[in-house]
N, C-alpha and C. Protein backbone atom coordinates (compact mmCIF):
# COMPACT_ATOMS: atom_id res chain seq x y z
N MET A 1 179.84 72.05 72.07
CA MET A 1 179.02 73.16 72.54
C MET A 1 179.59 73.70 73.84
N SER A 2 179.42 74.98 74.04
CA SER A 2 179.91 75.60 75.26
C SER A 2 178.93 75.34 76.41
N PRO A 3 179.42 75.45 77.64
CA PRO A 3 178.50 75.29 78.78
C PRO A 3 177.34 76.28 78.74
N THR A 4 177.61 77.49 78.26
CA THR A 4 176.55 78.50 78.17
C THR A 4 175.48 78.07 77.17
N CYS A 5 175.93 77.60 76.03
CA CYS A 5 174.99 77.13 75.01
C CYS A 5 174.21 75.92 75.52
N ASP A 6 174.89 75.03 76.19
CA ASP A 6 174.22 73.87 76.78
C ASP A 6 173.14 74.31 77.77
N ARG A 7 173.45 75.30 78.59
CA ARG A 7 172.49 75.76 79.60
C ARG A 7 171.27 76.39 78.93
N ILE A 8 171.48 77.18 77.89
CA ILE A 8 170.36 77.78 77.17
C ILE A 8 169.49 76.69 76.55
N THR A 9 170.13 75.67 75.99
CA THR A 9 169.39 74.56 75.39
C THR A 9 168.54 73.84 76.42
N VAL A 10 169.12 73.57 77.58
CA VAL A 10 168.38 72.90 78.66
C VAL A 10 167.19 73.75 79.09
N LEU A 11 167.42 75.05 79.27
CA LEU A 11 166.33 75.94 79.69
C LEU A 11 165.24 76.04 78.63
N ALA A 12 165.63 76.12 77.36
CA ALA A 12 164.64 76.19 76.28
C ALA A 12 163.80 74.92 76.23
N ASP A 13 164.45 73.77 76.36
CA ASP A 13 163.72 72.50 76.38
C ASP A 13 162.76 72.44 77.58
N LEU A 14 163.22 72.92 78.71
CA LEU A 14 162.39 72.96 79.90
C LEU A 14 161.17 73.85 79.69
N LEU A 15 161.38 75.03 79.10
CA LEU A 15 160.27 75.93 78.81
C LEU A 15 159.26 75.27 77.87
N LEU A 16 159.75 74.60 76.84
CA LEU A 16 158.85 73.93 75.91
C LEU A 16 158.00 72.87 76.61
N SER A 17 158.62 72.07 77.44
CA SER A 17 157.85 71.02 78.13
C SER A 17 156.87 71.61 79.12
N MET A 18 157.27 72.67 79.82
CA MET A 18 156.34 73.29 80.77
C MET A 18 155.19 73.97 80.05
N ASN A 19 155.47 74.59 78.89
CA ASN A 19 154.39 75.21 78.12
C ASN A 19 153.40 74.17 77.64
N LYS A 20 153.89 73.02 77.23
CA LYS A 20 152.98 71.94 76.81
C LYS A 20 152.11 71.50 77.99
N ALA A 21 152.69 71.44 79.17
CA ALA A 21 151.93 71.04 80.35
C ALA A 21 150.87 72.08 80.70
N LEU A 22 151.15 73.35 80.42
CA LEU A 22 150.21 74.41 80.78
C LEU A 22 148.93 74.39 79.95
N VAL A 23 148.93 73.70 78.82
CA VAL A 23 147.69 73.64 78.04
C VAL A 23 146.73 72.58 78.60
N GLU A 24 147.24 71.76 79.49
CA GLU A 24 146.41 70.74 80.13
C GLU A 24 145.54 71.38 81.23
N ASP A 25 144.52 70.66 81.62
CA ASP A 25 143.67 71.10 82.73
C ASP A 25 144.38 70.72 84.03
N LEU A 26 144.95 71.71 84.69
CA LEU A 26 145.76 71.48 85.89
C LEU A 26 145.09 72.09 87.11
N PRO A 27 145.37 71.53 88.28
CA PRO A 27 144.92 72.18 89.51
C PRO A 27 145.58 73.56 89.61
N PRO A 28 144.91 74.52 90.21
CA PRO A 28 145.45 75.88 90.30
C PRO A 28 146.86 75.95 90.89
N GLU A 29 147.13 75.14 91.91
CA GLU A 29 148.46 75.20 92.54
C GLU A 29 149.55 74.74 91.56
N GLU A 30 149.26 73.69 90.82
CA GLU A 30 150.22 73.17 89.84
C GLU A 30 150.43 74.17 88.71
N ARG A 31 149.34 74.78 88.25
CA ARG A 31 149.44 75.80 87.20
C ARG A 31 150.30 76.97 87.68
N SER A 32 150.07 77.42 88.89
CA SER A 32 150.86 78.53 89.44
C SER A 32 152.33 78.16 89.55
N ARG A 33 152.59 76.93 89.99
CA ARG A 33 153.98 76.47 90.12
C ARG A 33 154.67 76.44 88.75
N LEU A 34 153.97 75.92 87.75
CA LEU A 34 154.55 75.85 86.40
C LEU A 34 154.76 77.24 85.81
N GLU A 35 153.80 78.14 86.01
CA GLU A 35 153.95 79.50 85.50
C GLU A 35 155.15 80.19 86.14
N ALA A 36 155.32 80.01 87.45
CA ALA A 36 156.47 80.60 88.14
C ALA A 36 157.78 80.00 87.63
N ALA A 37 157.79 78.70 87.40
CA ALA A 37 159.00 78.04 86.88
C ALA A 37 159.31 78.53 85.47
N CYS A 38 158.29 78.74 84.65
CA CYS A 38 158.49 79.29 83.30
C CYS A 38 159.10 80.69 83.38
N GLU A 39 158.57 81.51 84.25
CA GLU A 39 159.08 82.87 84.40
C GLU A 39 160.54 82.86 84.85
N GLU A 40 160.88 81.99 85.78
CA GLU A 40 162.26 81.91 86.27
C GLU A 40 163.21 81.42 85.17
N ALA A 41 162.81 80.41 84.42
CA ALA A 41 163.65 79.91 83.33
C ALA A 41 163.83 80.99 82.27
N ASP A 42 162.77 81.71 81.96
CA ASP A 42 162.84 82.79 80.99
C ASP A 42 163.79 83.89 81.46
N ARG A 43 163.71 84.24 82.74
CA ARG A 43 164.61 85.26 83.29
C ARG A 43 166.07 84.80 83.24
N GLU A 44 166.28 83.51 83.50
CA GLU A 44 167.66 82.99 83.46
C GLU A 44 168.21 83.05 82.04
N ILE A 45 167.39 82.70 81.05
CA ILE A 45 167.83 82.82 79.66
C ILE A 45 168.16 84.28 79.36
N ASP A 46 167.30 85.19 79.77
CA ASP A 46 167.57 86.61 79.56
C ASP A 46 168.91 87.01 80.16
N ARG A 47 169.18 86.62 81.40
CA ARG A 47 170.44 86.98 82.06
C ARG A 47 171.64 86.44 81.30
N ILE A 48 171.54 85.21 80.82
CA ILE A 48 172.64 84.62 80.06
C ILE A 48 172.88 85.40 78.77
N VAL A 49 171.81 85.70 78.06
CA VAL A 49 171.95 86.42 76.79
C VAL A 49 172.49 87.83 77.03
N TYR A 50 172.02 88.51 78.06
CA TYR A 50 172.54 89.84 78.37
C TYR A 50 174.03 89.78 78.63
N ALA A 51 174.46 88.76 79.36
CA ALA A 51 175.89 88.61 79.65
C ALA A 51 176.68 88.30 78.38
N LEU A 52 176.13 87.45 77.52
CA LEU A 52 176.81 87.12 76.26
C LEU A 52 177.04 88.35 75.40
N TYR A 53 176.06 89.25 75.40
CA TYR A 53 176.17 90.46 74.60
C TYR A 53 176.84 91.60 75.36
N GLY A 54 177.16 91.38 76.61
CA GLY A 54 177.83 92.40 77.40
C GLY A 54 176.98 93.64 77.63
N LEU A 55 175.68 93.46 77.79
CA LEU A 55 174.80 94.61 77.97
C LEU A 55 175.02 95.27 79.32
N THR A 56 174.92 96.58 79.31
CA THR A 56 174.99 97.35 80.55
C THR A 56 173.61 97.35 81.20
N GLU A 57 173.56 97.80 82.45
CA GLU A 57 172.27 97.90 83.14
C GLU A 57 171.30 98.79 82.37
N GLU A 58 171.81 99.88 81.81
CA GLU A 58 170.96 100.80 81.05
C GLU A 58 170.39 100.12 79.81
N GLU A 59 171.22 99.35 79.12
CA GLU A 59 170.76 98.64 77.93
C GLU A 59 169.74 97.57 78.29
N ILE A 60 169.95 96.91 79.40
CA ILE A 60 169.00 95.89 79.85
C ILE A 60 167.64 96.51 80.15
N VAL A 61 167.64 97.69 80.75
CA VAL A 61 166.38 98.39 81.04
C VAL A 61 165.64 98.67 79.73
N VAL A 62 166.36 99.10 78.70
CA VAL A 62 165.74 99.38 77.40
C VAL A 62 165.15 98.10 76.81
N VAL A 63 165.93 97.02 76.82
CA VAL A 63 165.46 95.75 76.27
C VAL A 63 164.24 95.25 77.06
N GLU A 64 164.33 95.28 78.37
CA GLU A 64 163.21 94.82 79.20
C GLU A 64 161.96 95.64 78.93
N GLY A 65 162.11 96.93 78.78
CA GLY A 65 160.95 97.78 78.50
C GLY A 65 160.31 97.44 77.17
N ALA A 66 161.14 97.16 76.17
CA ALA A 66 160.63 96.83 74.84
C ALA A 66 159.98 95.45 74.82
N THR A 67 160.54 94.49 75.53
CA THR A 67 160.00 93.13 75.48
C THR A 67 158.78 92.95 76.36
N HIS A 68 158.61 93.79 77.36
CA HIS A 68 157.44 93.65 78.24
C HIS A 68 156.21 94.31 77.65
N GLU A 69 156.37 94.98 76.50
CA GLU A 69 155.22 95.58 75.84
C GLU A 69 154.41 94.53 75.08
N ARG A 70 155.00 93.35 74.88
CA ARG A 70 154.29 92.26 74.20
C ARG A 70 154.19 91.08 75.16
N PRO A 71 153.17 90.25 75.02
CA PRO A 71 153.05 89.11 75.93
C PRO A 71 154.17 88.10 75.74
N ARG A 72 154.57 87.47 76.82
CA ARG A 72 155.56 86.39 76.76
C ARG A 72 154.87 85.15 76.20
N PRO A 73 155.59 84.29 75.46
CA PRO A 73 154.96 83.12 74.85
C PRO A 73 154.20 82.23 75.83
N TYR A 74 154.75 81.98 77.00
CA TYR A 74 154.09 81.06 77.92
C TYR A 74 152.85 81.66 78.57
N GLN A 75 152.68 82.98 78.49
CA GLN A 75 151.48 83.57 79.07
C GLN A 75 150.25 83.25 78.24
N GLY A 76 150.45 82.97 76.97
CA GLY A 76 149.33 82.61 76.13
C GLY A 76 148.73 81.26 76.48
N CYS A 77 149.51 80.42 77.14
CA CYS A 77 149.04 79.09 77.50
C CYS A 77 148.32 79.08 78.84
N ALA A 78 148.53 80.10 79.63
CA ALA A 78 148.00 80.11 81.00
C ALA A 78 146.50 80.33 81.01
């Protein structure tokens, strides 16, 4: 596996574990920390994928606009 693929796998696994934690009854500070970490991991995956596909800034704006019209998976757990 390539380092890029390895990094995406690590981030996806991290997102899965954090999403599982978000369904638990957590103190507000911990929930906020996990939600922020989920958002950062998700953004990093996005950046990697955009680079893999060689997207321009204009194309990224289009993709971001289309994907922000629907809820992100981890927001459903919050």
